[in-house]
Amino acid sequence: MPKDPDIRRRMDRVEEIIDRLDADEVSLEDGYDLYDEGQELLAEIRELLHDGDGEVIEIE
């Protein structure tokens, strides 16, 4: 599990988005918005990991 709270918070939100999209209970427009939000969060996570101090972490 990521120790960085910023990464953990973003990962939790990405998981929530995936769950909502998998449930097929969102409108097409909301689905696009959630997808865009998820992509932005993943880009932020990648940047945080890239800028990290070289510590290896395990992501479940």
Protein backbone atom coordinates (compact mmCIF):
# COMPACT_ATOMS: atom_id res chain seq x y z
CA MET A 1 0.00 0.00 0.00
CA PRO A 2 1.39 3.45 -0.87
CA LYS A 3 2.70 5.26 2.18
CA ASP A 4 2.30 8.71 0.63
CA PRO A 5 -1.14 10.02 1.67
CA ASP A 6 -1.45 12.02 -1.56
CA ILE A 7 -0.97 8.89 -3.64
CA ARG A 8 -3.25 6.82 -1.40
CA ARG A 9 -6.03 9.42 -1.61
CA ARG A 10 -5.79 9.53 -5.39
CA MET A 11 -5.67 5.74 -5.66
CA ASP A 12 -8.76 5.45 -3.46
CA ARG A 13 -10.63 7.88 -5.69
CA VAL A 14 -9.58 6.00 -8.85
CA GLU A 15 -10.90 2.79 -7.28
CA GLU A 16 -14.21 4.54 -6.48
CA ILE A 17 -14.47 5.73 -10.08
CA ILE A 18 -13.81 2.24 -11.42
CA ASP A 19 -16.47 0.79 -9.12
CA ARG A 20 -19.03 3.35 -10.28
CA LEU A 21 -18.26 2.76 -13.94
CA ASP A 22 -18.38 -1.01 -13.48
CA ALA A 23 -21.80 -0.73 -11.84
CA ASP A 24 -23.28 0.66 -15.09
CA GLU A 25 -25.42 3.06 -13.06
CA VAL A 26 -24.09 6.35 -14.41
CA SER A 27 -25.25 8.31 -17.41
CA LEU A 28 -23.04 8.54 -20.47
CA GLU A 29 -22.17 12.15 -19.67
CA ASP A 30 -21.31 11.31 -16.05
CA GLY A 31 -19.30 8.34 -17.30
CA TYR A 32 -17.20 10.62 -19.50
CA ASP A 33 -16.68 13.01 -16.59
CA LEU A 34 -15.62 10.16 -14.30
CA TYR A 35 -13.31 8.77 -16.97
CA ASP A 36 -11.66 12.18 -17.42
CA GLU A 37 -11.27 12.58 -13.66
CA GLY A 38 -9.71 9.13 -13.42
CA GLN A 39 -7.25 9.89 -16.21
CA GLU A 40 -6.21 13.13 -14.50
CA LEU A 41 -5.72 11.33 -11.19
CA LEU A 42 -3.64 8.61 -12.84
CA ALA A 43 -1.44 11.25 -14.47
CA GLU A 44 -0.95 12.91 -11.07
CA ILE A 45 -0.07 9.55 -9.51
CA ARG A 46 2.47 8.83 -12.25
CA GLU A 47 4.04 12.26 -11.71
CA LEU A 48 4.23 11.76 -7.93
CA LEU A 49 5.83 8.35 -8.42
CA HIS A 50 8.25 9.70 -11.02
CA ASP A 51 9.26 12.55 -8.72
CA GLY A 52 9.60 10.19 -5.74
CA ASP A 53 12.76 9.65 -3.82
CA GLY A 54 13.50 6.29 -5.43
CA GLU A 55 11.70 4.30 -2.76
CA VAL A 56 10.00 1.18 -4.10
CA ILE A 57 6.43 0.73 -2.93
CA GLU A 58 3.93 -2.05 -3.50
CA ILE A 59 0.58 -1.14 -5.03
CA GLU A 60 -2.19 -3.64 -4.53
